[in-house]
């Protein structure tokens, strides 16, 4: 299932962000977390800084290997600025640092290690079983007290064994975006 086009639905924005200029992005209502329509779920801003890290110039044949994200305060559903810089550059690894700001104030910091990718003929060390089939999409169900109009409805949720967000105890859920991260772009 590919993301729906920008005009997909008047009830659901066509993307999480719209690119403005000079590293600025407009947050759409789809970024709003279940706690408030004014603050974002951590997924979209983490992905936005990850996108910037992927695009930051680096050594050909390298890839992002590990990313850590720190939320400094709630990320507002507002215009954000994304900046990435190389902190350490070596022959085989590079350390990147990313920052999201809202109104000039840092709201998210991230670090990523980028390393030279393994050659295509590198043997796999583990062969795990295929993921079990999951039930098809179902209505979201309930999430008592949550704001469902943003991120929660911009994602497709598939719970194993008929569970829901309100089911107590451990559970398994599969989720995927219904909309692209940035308007007009295919996600990586």
N, C-alpha and C. Protein backbone atom coordinates (compact mmCIF):
# COMPACT_ATOMS: atom_id res chain seq x y z
N UNK A 1 0.85 -1.17 0.00
CA UNK A 1 0.00 0.00 0.00
C UNK A 1 0.89 1.23 0.00
N UNK A 2 0.75 2.07 -0.98
CA UNK A 2 1.58 3.27 -1.03
C UNK A 2 0.84 4.43 -0.37
N UNK A 3 1.59 5.45 0.06
CA UNK A 3 0.94 6.58 0.70
C UNK A 3 -0.07 7.23 -0.24
N UNK A 4 -1.11 7.79 0.34
CA UNK A 4 -2.15 8.43 -0.45
C UNK A 4 -1.67 9.79 -0.91
N UNK A 5 -2.22 10.30 -2.03
CA UNK A 5 -1.80 11.60 -2.53
C UNK A 5 -2.19 12.73 -1.59
N UNK A 6 -1.60 13.92 -1.84
CA UNK A 6 -1.80 15.09 -0.98
C UNK A 6 -3.28 15.40 -0.76
N UNK A 7 -4.12 15.19 -1.75
CA UNK A 7 -5.55 15.50 -1.60
C UNK A 7 -6.35 14.28 -1.16
N UNK A 8 -5.72 13.36 -0.46
CA UNK A 8 -6.32 12.08 -0.10
C UNK A 8 -7.65 12.22 0.60
N UNK A 9 -7.74 13.08 1.58
CA UNK A 9 -8.96 13.16 2.37
C UNK A 9 -8.99 14.49 3.09
N UNK A 10 -10.14 15.15 3.12
CA UNK A 10 -10.19 16.40 3.87
C UNK A 10 -10.03 16.17 5.37
N UNK A 11 -10.34 14.96 5.83
CA UNK A 11 -10.23 14.65 7.26
C UNK A 11 -8.81 14.29 7.65
N UNK A 12 -7.97 13.91 6.70
CA UNK A 12 -6.60 13.49 7.02
C UNK A 12 -5.65 14.21 6.08
N UNK A 13 -4.69 14.97 6.62
CA UNK A 13 -3.73 15.66 5.76
C UNK A 13 -2.98 14.66 4.88
N UNK A 14 -2.44 15.14 3.77
CA UNK A 14 -1.75 14.28 2.83
C UNK A 14 -0.31 13.98 3.20
N UNK A 15 0.21 14.55 4.29
CA UNK A 15 1.58 14.29 4.72
C UNK A 15 1.74 14.75 6.17
N UNK A 16 2.85 14.38 6.76
CA UNK A 16 3.16 14.85 8.11
C UNK A 16 3.74 16.28 8.07
N UNK A 17 4.52 16.57 7.01
CA UNK A 17 5.16 17.89 6.90
C UNK A 17 5.09 18.39 5.47
N UNK A 18 5.19 19.71 5.33
CA UNK A 18 5.37 20.36 4.05
C UNK A 18 6.68 21.15 4.13
N UNK A 19 7.55 20.91 3.13
CA UNK A 19 8.84 21.61 3.13
C UNK A 19 8.64 23.06 2.74
N UNK A 20 9.25 23.95 3.49
CA UNK A 20 9.19 25.38 3.21
C UNK A 20 10.50 25.76 2.52
N UNK A 21 11.41 26.44 3.19
CA UNK A 21 12.71 26.80 2.61
C UNK A 21 13.74 26.87 3.72
N UNK A 22 15.01 26.79 3.35
CA UNK A 22 16.11 26.97 4.29
C UNK A 22 16.04 26.05 5.51
N UNK A 23 15.64 24.80 5.31
CA UNK A 23 15.59 23.84 6.41
C UNK A 23 14.34 23.92 7.26
N UNK A 24 13.35 24.71 6.86
CA UNK A 24 12.10 24.83 7.62
C UNK A 24 11.03 23.92 7.04
N UNK A 25 10.20 23.39 7.96
CA UNK A 25 9.10 22.51 7.58
C UNK A 25 7.85 22.93 8.34
N UNK A 26 6.73 22.91 7.65
CA UNK A 26 5.44 23.17 8.28
C UNK A 26 4.89 21.84 8.78
N UNK A 27 4.57 21.76 10.05
CA UNK A 27 3.97 20.55 10.63
C UNK A 27 2.48 20.55 10.29
N UNK A 28 1.96 19.42 9.82
CA UNK A 28 0.52 19.33 9.57
C UNK A 28 -0.16 18.76 10.81
N UNK A 29 -1.49 18.83 10.87
CA UNK A 29 -2.20 18.25 12.01
C UNK A 29 -1.97 16.74 12.18
N UNK A 30 -1.49 16.06 11.13
CA UNK A 30 -1.22 14.62 11.22
C UNK A 30 -0.11 14.30 12.21
N UNK A 31 0.72 15.29 12.56
CA UNK A 31 1.83 15.04 13.51
C UNK A 31 1.36 15.04 14.96
N UNK A 32 0.17 15.55 15.22
CA UNK A 32 -0.32 15.69 16.60
C UNK A 32 -0.42 14.33 17.29
N UNK A 33 0.12 14.26 18.48
CA UNK A 33 0.11 13.02 19.25
C UNK A 33 -1.21 12.79 19.94
N UNK A 34 -1.36 11.64 20.57
CA UNK A 34 -2.62 11.32 21.24
C UNK A 34 -2.86 12.12 22.53
N UNK A 35 -1.87 12.88 22.99
CA UNK A 35 -2.00 13.62 24.24
C UNK A 35 -2.63 14.99 24.04
N UNK A 36 -2.40 15.59 22.85
CA UNK A 36 -2.90 16.94 22.59
C UNK A 36 -2.79 17.25 21.10
N UNK A 37 -3.75 17.97 20.54
CA UNK A 37 -3.63 18.39 19.14
C UNK A 37 -2.56 19.47 18.94
N UNK A 38 -1.95 19.96 20.03
CA UNK A 38 -0.95 21.02 19.94
C UNK A 38 0.49 20.51 20.00
N UNK A 39 0.68 19.24 20.39
CA UNK A 39 2.04 18.69 20.48
C UNK A 39 2.15 17.42 19.63
N UNK A 40 3.34 17.20 19.09
CA UNK A 40 3.54 16.09 18.16
C UNK A 40 3.86 14.78 18.86
N UNK A 41 3.45 13.69 18.22
CA UNK A 41 3.92 12.37 18.57
C UNK A 41 5.42 12.36 18.22
N UNK A 42 6.24 11.62 18.91
CA UNK A 42 7.69 11.64 18.66
C UNK A 42 8.09 11.02 17.32
N UNK A 43 7.22 10.20 16.74
CA UNK A 43 7.58 9.53 15.48
C UNK A 43 7.88 10.48 14.33
N UNK A 44 6.96 11.38 13.97
CA UNK A 44 7.24 12.26 12.82
C UNK A 44 8.47 13.15 12.99
N UNK A 45 8.69 13.84 14.13
CA UNK A 45 9.90 14.66 14.19
C UNK A 45 11.19 13.83 14.20
N UNK A 46 11.14 12.63 14.78
CA UNK A 46 12.30 11.74 14.74
C UNK A 46 12.61 11.34 13.29
N UNK A 47 11.57 11.03 12.54
CA UNK A 47 11.75 10.67 11.13
C UNK A 47 12.25 11.87 10.32
N UNK A 48 11.79 13.07 10.64
CA UNK A 48 12.21 14.26 9.91
C UNK A 48 13.71 14.52 10.10
N UNK A 49 14.21 14.39 11.31
CA UNK A 49 15.65 14.57 11.52
C UNK A 49 16.42 13.40 10.89
N UNK A 50 15.85 12.20 10.90
CA UNK A 50 16.47 11.05 10.23
C UNK A 50 16.59 11.28 8.73
N UNK A 51 15.55 11.85 8.13
CA UNK A 51 15.57 12.19 6.70
C UNK A 51 16.71 13.16 6.42
N UNK A 52 16.87 14.17 7.26
CA UNK A 52 17.94 15.16 7.07
C UNK A 52 19.31 14.51 7.20
N UNK A 53 19.44 13.56 8.12
CA UNK A 53 20.71 12.85 8.29
C UNK A 53 21.03 11.99 7.08
N UNK A 54 20.03 11.32 6.53
CA UNK A 54 20.23 10.52 5.31
C UNK A 54 20.73 11.40 4.17
N UNK A 55 20.23 12.62 4.07
CA UNK A 55 20.55 13.53 2.97
C UNK A 55 21.82 14.34 3.20
N UNK A 56 22.34 14.32 4.41
CA UNK A 56 23.56 15.09 4.70
C UNK A 56 24.72 14.50 3.89
N UNK A 57 25.47 15.35 3.17
CA UNK A 57 26.57 14.82 2.34
C UNK A 57 27.54 13.99 3.16
N UNK A 58 27.96 12.89 2.57
CA UNK A 58 28.90 12.00 3.24
C UNK A 58 29.65 11.16 2.24
N UNK A 59 30.39 10.23 2.74
CA UNK A 59 31.18 9.35 1.89
C UNK A 59 30.27 8.44 1.06
N UNK A 60 30.50 8.34 -0.26
CA UNK A 60 29.69 7.42 -1.08
C UNK A 60 29.81 6.00 -0.55
N UNK A 61 28.71 5.26 -0.58
CA UNK A 61 28.71 3.88 -0.12
C UNK A 61 28.51 3.73 1.38
N UNK A 62 28.19 4.84 2.06
CA UNK A 62 27.96 4.74 3.50
C UNK A 62 26.46 4.76 3.78
N UNK A 63 26.10 4.35 4.99
CA UNK A 63 24.69 4.31 5.38
C UNK A 63 24.55 4.64 6.86
N UNK A 64 23.37 5.08 7.24
CA UNK A 64 23.09 5.33 8.65
C UNK A 64 22.98 3.98 9.34
N UNK A 65 23.71 3.82 10.45
CA UNK A 65 23.71 2.54 11.16
C UNK A 65 22.97 2.61 12.49
N UNK A 66 22.97 3.76 13.13
CA UNK A 66 22.34 3.87 14.45
C UNK A 66 21.96 5.32 14.68
N UNK A 67 20.77 5.54 15.22
CA UNK A 67 20.31 6.89 15.53
C UNK A 67 19.77 6.90 16.96
N UNK A 68 20.14 7.91 17.73
CA UNK A 68 19.53 8.13 19.04
C UNK A 68 18.86 9.49 19.02
N UNK A 69 17.71 9.57 19.67
CA UNK A 69 16.91 10.80 19.67
C UNK A 69 16.59 11.18 21.11
N UNK A 70 16.74 12.45 21.40
CA UNK A 70 16.37 12.98 22.72
C UNK A 70 15.36 14.09 22.52
N UNK A 71 14.21 13.95 23.16
CA UNK A 71 13.20 15.00 23.15
C UNK A 71 13.46 15.91 24.34
N UNK A 72 13.73 17.18 24.06
CA UNK A 72 14.06 18.12 25.13
C UNK A 72 12.83 18.72 25.78
N UNK A 73 11.76 18.80 25.01
CA UNK A 73 10.46 19.29 25.50
C UNK A 73 9.43 18.86 24.47
N UNK A 74 8.15 19.02 24.76
CA UNK A 74 7.15 18.65 23.74
C UNK A 74 7.39 19.41 22.44
N UNK A 75 7.29 18.69 21.33
CA UNK A 75 7.48 19.29 20.01
C UNK A 75 6.13 19.86 19.57
N UNK A 76 6.04 21.18 19.36
CA UNK A 76 4.76 21.76 19.00
C UNK A 76 4.38 21.45 17.54
N UNK A 77 3.09 21.42 17.27
CA UNK A 77 2.60 21.32 15.89
C UNK A 77 2.74 22.74 15.33
N UNK A 78 3.92 23.01 14.77
CA UNK A 78 4.29 24.35 14.30
C UNK A 78 5.41 24.20 13.28
N UNK A 79 5.88 25.32 12.76
CA UNK A 79 7.01 25.28 11.85
C UNK A 79 8.26 24.85 12.63
N UNK A 80 9.05 23.97 12.02
CA UNK A 80 10.27 23.46 12.62
C UNK A 80 11.44 23.72 11.69
N UNK A 81 12.59 23.93 12.27
CA UNK A 81 13.84 24.05 11.49
C UNK A 81 14.69 22.84 11.80
N UNK A 82 15.26 22.24 10.75
CA UNK A 82 16.09 21.05 10.87
C UNK A 82 17.51 21.40 10.44
N UNK A 83 18.47 21.06 11.29
CA UNK A 83 19.88 21.27 10.95
C UNK A 83 20.67 20.01 11.29
N UNK A 84 21.63 19.66 10.44
CA UNK A 84 22.49 18.51 10.65
C UNK A 84 23.92 18.94 10.36
N UNK A 85 24.85 18.42 11.18
CA UNK A 85 26.27 18.69 10.95
C UNK A 85 27.06 17.44 11.29
N UNK A 86 28.23 17.32 10.67
CA UNK A 86 29.14 16.22 10.98
C UNK A 86 29.97 16.62 12.19
N UNK A 87 30.00 15.77 13.21
CA UNK A 87 30.77 16.01 14.42
C UNK A 87 32.15 15.35 14.32
N UNK A 88 32.17 14.17 13.72
CA UNK A 88 33.42 13.41 13.55
C UNK A 88 33.37 12.72 12.21
N UNK A 89 34.43 12.86 11.43
CA UNK A 89 34.50 12.20 10.14
C UNK A 89 35.77 11.38 10.07
N UNK A 90 35.61 10.11 9.77
CA UNK A 90 36.76 9.22 9.64
C UNK A 90 36.71 8.48 8.31
N UNK A 91 37.62 7.55 8.13
CA UNK A 91 37.70 6.80 6.87
C UNK A 91 36.52 5.85 6.69
N UNK A 92 36.00 5.31 7.81
CA UNK A 92 34.91 4.32 7.70
C UNK A 92 33.65 4.71 8.47
N UNK A 93 33.75 5.66 9.39
CA UNK A 93 32.58 6.06 10.17
C UNK A 93 32.49 7.59 10.25
N UNK A 94 31.28 8.04 10.52
CA UNK A 94 31.03 9.47 10.67
C UNK A 94 29.95 9.63 11.72
N UNK A 95 30.13 10.60 12.60
CA UNK A 95 29.13 10.90 13.62
C UNK A 95 28.41 12.19 13.20
N UNK A 96 27.08 12.09 13.06
CA UNK A 96 26.26 13.25 12.70
C UNK A 96 25.47 13.70 13.91
N UNK A 97 25.18 14.98 13.97
CA UNK A 97 24.35 15.55 15.02
C UNK A 97 23.24 16.35 14.35
N UNK A 98 22.01 16.13 14.78
CA UNK A 98 20.87 16.84 14.23
C UNK A 98 20.10 17.54 15.32
N UNK A 99 19.45 18.63 14.94
CA UNK A 99 18.67 19.41 15.90
C UNK A 99 17.42 19.92 15.22
N UNK A 100 16.29 19.82 15.93
CA UNK A 100 15.05 20.45 15.50
C UNK A 100 14.78 21.60 16.45
N UNK A 101 14.42 22.74 15.87
CA UNK A 101 14.07 23.89 16.70
C UNK A 101 12.68 24.38 16.32
N UNK A 102 11.99 24.94 17.28
CA UNK A 102 10.69 25.59 17.08
C UNK A 102 10.81 26.98 17.69
N UNK A 103 10.53 28.00 16.91
CA UNK A 103 10.70 29.39 17.36
C UNK A 103 12.09 29.63 17.93
N UNK A 104 13.11 29.03 17.32
CA UNK A 104 14.48 29.23 17.75
C UNK A 104 14.92 28.42 18.96
N UNK A 105 14.01 27.68 19.56
CA UNK A 105 14.33 26.88 20.76
C UNK A 105 14.50 25.40 20.38
N UNK A 106 15.59 24.75 20.82
CA UNK A 106 15.76 23.33 20.52
C UNK A 106 14.66 22.49 21.18
N UNK A 107 14.09 21.58 20.41
CA UNK A 107 13.06 20.68 20.94
C UNK A 107 13.47 19.21 20.81
N UNK A 108 14.42 18.92 19.92
CA UNK A 108 14.85 17.54 19.69
C UNK A 108 16.30 17.56 19.27
N UNK A 109 17.09 16.67 19.87
CA UNK A 109 18.48 16.45 19.47
C UNK A 109 18.63 15.00 19.04
N UNK A 110 19.47 14.76 18.04
CA UNK A 110 19.70 13.39 17.58
C UNK A 110 21.16 13.24 17.19
N UNK A 111 21.66 12.03 17.34
CA UNK A 111 22.99 11.67 16.87
C UNK A 111 22.85 10.40 16.05
N UNK A 112 23.65 10.32 15.00
CA UNK A 112 23.63 9.14 14.14
C UNK A 112 25.04 8.76 13.75
N UNK A 113 25.30 7.46 13.75
CA UNK A 113 26.55 6.94 13.21
C UNK A 113 26.28 6.52 11.78
N UNK A 114 27.11 7.02 10.89
CA UNK A 114 27.04 6.60 9.48
C UNK A 114 28.33 5.84 9.21
N UNK A 115 28.20 4.68 8.60
CA UNK A 115 29.38 3.86 8.35
C UNK A 115 29.36 3.31 6.93
N UNK A 116 30.52 2.85 6.50
CA UNK A 116 30.65 2.26 5.18
C UNK A 116 29.79 0.99 5.16
N UNK A 117 28.97 0.85 4.15
CA UNK A 117 28.09 -0.32 4.03
C UNK A 117 28.90 -1.57 3.70
N UNK A 118 28.39 -2.72 4.12
CA UNK A 118 29.03 -4.00 3.81
C UNK A 118 28.92 -4.27 2.32
N UNK A 119 29.90 -4.97 1.75
CA UNK A 119 29.80 -5.34 0.33
C UNK A 119 28.56 -6.21 0.10
N UNK A 120 28.04 -6.16 -1.12
CA UNK A 120 26.83 -6.92 -1.45
C UNK A 120 26.97 -8.42 -1.23
N UNK A 121 28.19 -8.95 -1.34
CA UNK A 121 28.38 -10.40 -1.20
C UNK A 121 28.66 -10.84 0.24
N UNK A 122 28.46 -9.95 1.22
CA UNK A 122 28.66 -10.31 2.63
C UNK A 122 27.58 -11.31 3.04
N UNK A 123 27.98 -12.48 3.57
CA UNK A 123 26.97 -13.48 3.95
C UNK A 123 26.15 -13.01 5.16
N UNK A 124 24.91 -13.42 5.18
CA UNK A 124 24.02 -13.11 6.30
C UNK A 124 24.37 -14.02 7.47
N UNK A 125 24.36 -13.49 8.68
CA UNK A 125 24.70 -14.30 9.85
C UNK A 125 23.49 -14.98 10.46
N UNK A 126 22.30 -14.41 10.27
CA UNK A 126 21.09 -15.00 10.85
C UNK A 126 20.02 -15.14 9.77
N UNK A 127 19.32 -16.22 9.87
CA UNK A 127 18.17 -16.44 9.00
C UNK A 127 16.99 -16.70 9.90
N UNK A 128 16.18 -15.68 10.15
CA UNK A 128 15.03 -15.82 11.03
C UNK A 128 13.80 -16.21 10.25
N UNK A 129 12.79 -16.66 10.96
CA UNK A 129 11.54 -17.02 10.29
C UNK A 129 10.85 -15.77 9.75
N UNK A 130 10.03 -15.97 8.73
CA UNK A 130 9.26 -14.86 8.16
C UNK A 130 8.25 -14.37 9.20
N UNK A 131 7.91 -13.11 9.12
CA UNK A 131 6.92 -12.55 10.04
C UNK A 131 5.57 -13.23 9.81
N UNK A 132 4.84 -13.51 10.88
CA UNK A 132 3.54 -14.15 10.72
C UNK A 132 2.56 -13.20 10.04
N UNK A 133 1.59 -13.73 9.31
CA UNK A 133 0.60 -12.85 8.69
C UNK A 133 -0.24 -12.18 9.78
N UNK A 134 -0.58 -10.94 9.56
CA UNK A 134 -1.40 -10.21 10.51
C UNK A 134 -2.78 -9.98 9.91
N UNK A 135 -3.76 -9.80 10.77
CA UNK A 135 -5.10 -9.53 10.24
C UNK A 135 -5.11 -8.24 9.44
N UNK A 136 -6.09 -8.14 8.54
CA UNK A 136 -6.22 -6.93 7.72
C UNK A 136 -6.60 -5.73 8.57
N UNK A 137 -6.60 -4.54 7.94
CA UNK A 137 -6.94 -3.33 8.68
C UNK A 137 -8.34 -3.43 9.29
N UNK A 138 -8.47 -2.91 10.48
CA UNK A 138 -9.76 -2.88 11.18
C UNK A 138 -9.97 -1.47 11.71
N UNK A 139 -11.17 -1.15 12.12
CA UNK A 139 -11.36 0.15 12.75
C UNK A 139 -10.42 0.27 13.95
N UNK A 140 -9.98 1.49 14.23
CA UNK A 140 -8.99 1.74 15.27
C UNK A 140 -9.43 1.23 16.63
N UNK A 141 -10.69 1.26 16.92
CA UNK A 141 -11.14 0.89 18.26
C UNK A 141 -11.00 2.08 19.18
N UNK A 142 -10.77 1.80 20.44
CA UNK A 142 -10.71 2.92 21.37
C UNK A 142 -9.31 3.13 21.89
N UNK A 143 -9.07 4.32 22.34
CA UNK A 143 -7.85 4.72 23.01
C UNK A 143 -8.34 5.77 24.00
N UNK A 144 -8.86 5.30 25.09
CA UNK A 144 -9.56 6.14 26.06
C UNK A 144 -8.78 7.40 26.41
N UNK A 145 -9.44 8.54 26.26
CA UNK A 145 -8.88 9.83 26.63
C UNK A 145 -7.89 10.40 25.64
N UNK A 146 -7.66 9.73 24.53
CA UNK A 146 -6.65 10.18 23.57
C UNK A 146 -7.25 11.06 22.49
N UNK A 147 -6.39 11.92 21.93
CA UNK A 147 -6.73 12.69 20.74
C UNK A 147 -6.45 11.80 19.54
N UNK A 148 -7.47 11.44 18.78
CA UNK A 148 -7.31 10.49 17.68
C UNK A 148 -7.19 11.15 16.31
N UNK A 149 -7.29 12.46 16.24
CA UNK A 149 -7.34 13.15 14.96
C UNK A 149 -6.01 13.36 14.28
N UNK A 150 -4.87 13.11 14.92
CA UNK A 150 -3.57 13.38 14.32
C UNK A 150 -2.83 12.12 13.93
N UNK A 151 -1.71 11.89 14.58
CA UNK A 151 -0.83 10.77 14.27
C UNK A 151 -1.56 9.42 14.34
N UNK A 152 -2.39 9.25 15.32
CA UNK A 152 -3.07 7.96 15.48
C UNK A 152 -3.90 7.62 14.24
N UNK A 153 -4.61 8.61 13.68
CA UNK A 153 -5.42 8.33 12.48
C UNK A 153 -4.60 8.41 11.19
N UNK A 154 -3.40 8.99 11.23
CA UNK A 154 -2.54 9.05 10.05
C UNK A 154 -1.76 7.75 9.86
N UNK A 155 -1.87 6.85 10.82
CA UNK A 155 -1.20 5.56 10.76
C UNK A 155 -2.23 4.45 10.60
N UNK A 156 -1.82 3.36 10.00
CA UNK A 156 -2.64 2.14 9.96
C UNK A 156 -2.14 1.24 11.07
N UNK A 157 -3.05 0.75 11.90
CA UNK A 157 -2.70 -0.09 13.05
C UNK A 157 -3.31 -1.47 12.86
N UNK A 158 -2.52 -2.51 13.07
CA UNK A 158 -3.02 -3.89 13.02
C UNK A 158 -2.57 -4.58 14.30
N UNK A 159 -3.54 -4.88 15.14
CA UNK A 159 -3.25 -5.54 16.41
C UNK A 159 -3.36 -7.05 16.24
N UNK A 160 -2.48 -7.75 16.90
CA UNK A 160 -2.53 -9.21 16.90
C UNK A 160 -3.58 -9.65 17.92
N UNK A 161 -4.29 -10.70 17.63
CA UNK A 161 -5.24 -11.33 18.55
C UNK A 161 -6.38 -10.41 18.98
N UNK A 162 -6.83 -9.50 18.11
CA UNK A 162 -7.99 -8.69 18.42
C UNK A 162 -7.80 -7.68 19.54
N UNK A 163 -6.58 -7.41 19.93
CA UNK A 163 -6.32 -6.46 21.01
C UNK A 163 -6.53 -5.04 20.50
N UNK A 164 -6.38 -4.09 21.40
CA UNK A 164 -6.49 -2.68 21.05
C UNK A 164 -5.58 -1.88 21.97
N UNK A 165 -5.52 -0.56 21.76
CA UNK A 165 -4.72 0.29 22.64
C UNK A 165 -5.19 0.18 24.09
N UNK A 166 -6.47 -0.07 24.31
CA UNK A 166 -7.00 -0.15 25.67
C UNK A 166 -6.87 -1.53 26.31
N UNK A 167 -6.33 -2.52 25.59
CA UNK A 167 -6.16 -3.85 26.16
C UNK A 167 -5.02 -3.84 27.16
N UNK A 168 -5.25 -4.27 28.39
CA UNK A 168 -4.15 -4.29 29.37
C UNK A 168 -3.15 -5.40 29.05
N UNK A 169 -1.92 -5.19 29.46
CA UNK A 169 -0.88 -6.20 29.31
C UNK A 169 -0.16 -6.11 27.99
N UNK A 170 0.82 -7.01 27.80
CA UNK A 170 1.62 -6.99 26.58
C UNK A 170 0.76 -7.27 25.35
N UNK A 171 1.20 -6.76 24.23
CA UNK A 171 0.50 -7.00 22.98
C UNK A 171 1.43 -6.72 21.81
N UNK A 172 1.00 -7.12 20.65
CA UNK A 172 1.77 -6.89 19.44
C UNK A 172 0.92 -6.10 18.47
N UNK A 173 1.50 -5.04 17.93
CA UNK A 173 0.79 -4.23 16.94
C UNK A 173 1.74 -3.91 15.79
N UNK A 174 1.22 -3.90 14.60
CA UNK A 174 1.97 -3.56 13.42
C UNK A 174 1.40 -2.22 12.95
N UNK A 175 2.27 -1.28 12.58
CA UNK A 175 1.81 0.04 12.16
C UNK A 175 2.56 0.49 10.93
N UNK A 176 1.87 1.26 10.07
CA UNK A 176 2.55 1.89 8.93
C UNK A 176 1.85 3.20 8.60
N UNK A 177 2.62 4.06 7.99
CA UNK A 177 2.12 5.38 7.61
C UNK A 177 1.05 5.26 6.53
N UNK A 178 0.03 6.08 6.65
CA UNK A 178 -0.95 6.22 5.58
C UNK A 178 -0.58 7.40 4.68
N UNK A 179 0.30 8.26 5.17
CA UNK A 179 0.70 9.46 4.45
C UNK A 179 2.22 9.55 4.42
N UNK A 180 2.81 10.24 3.43
CA UNK A 180 4.26 10.38 3.41
C UNK A 180 4.76 11.33 4.49
N UNK A 181 6.04 11.23 4.80
CA UNK A 181 6.64 12.11 5.80
C UNK A 181 6.59 13.57 5.32
N UNK A 182 7.05 13.80 4.09
CA UNK A 182 7.09 15.15 3.51
C UNK A 182 6.26 15.16 2.24
N UNK A 183 5.40 16.14 2.09
CA UNK A 183 4.51 16.24 0.94
C UNK A 183 5.31 16.19 -0.37
N UNK A 184 4.83 15.37 -1.31
CA UNK A 184 5.44 15.29 -2.62
C UNK A 184 6.66 14.39 -2.70
N UNK A 185 7.02 13.71 -1.61
CA UNK A 185 8.20 12.84 -1.62
C UNK A 185 7.82 11.40 -1.31
N UNK A 186 8.61 10.50 -1.87
CA UNK A 186 8.48 9.09 -1.50
C UNK A 186 9.36 8.85 -0.28
N UNK A 187 8.87 8.07 0.65
CA UNK A 187 9.65 7.77 1.86
C UNK A 187 10.73 6.75 1.55
N UNK A 188 11.84 6.84 2.30
CA UNK A 188 12.92 5.88 2.13
C UNK A 188 12.71 4.73 3.09
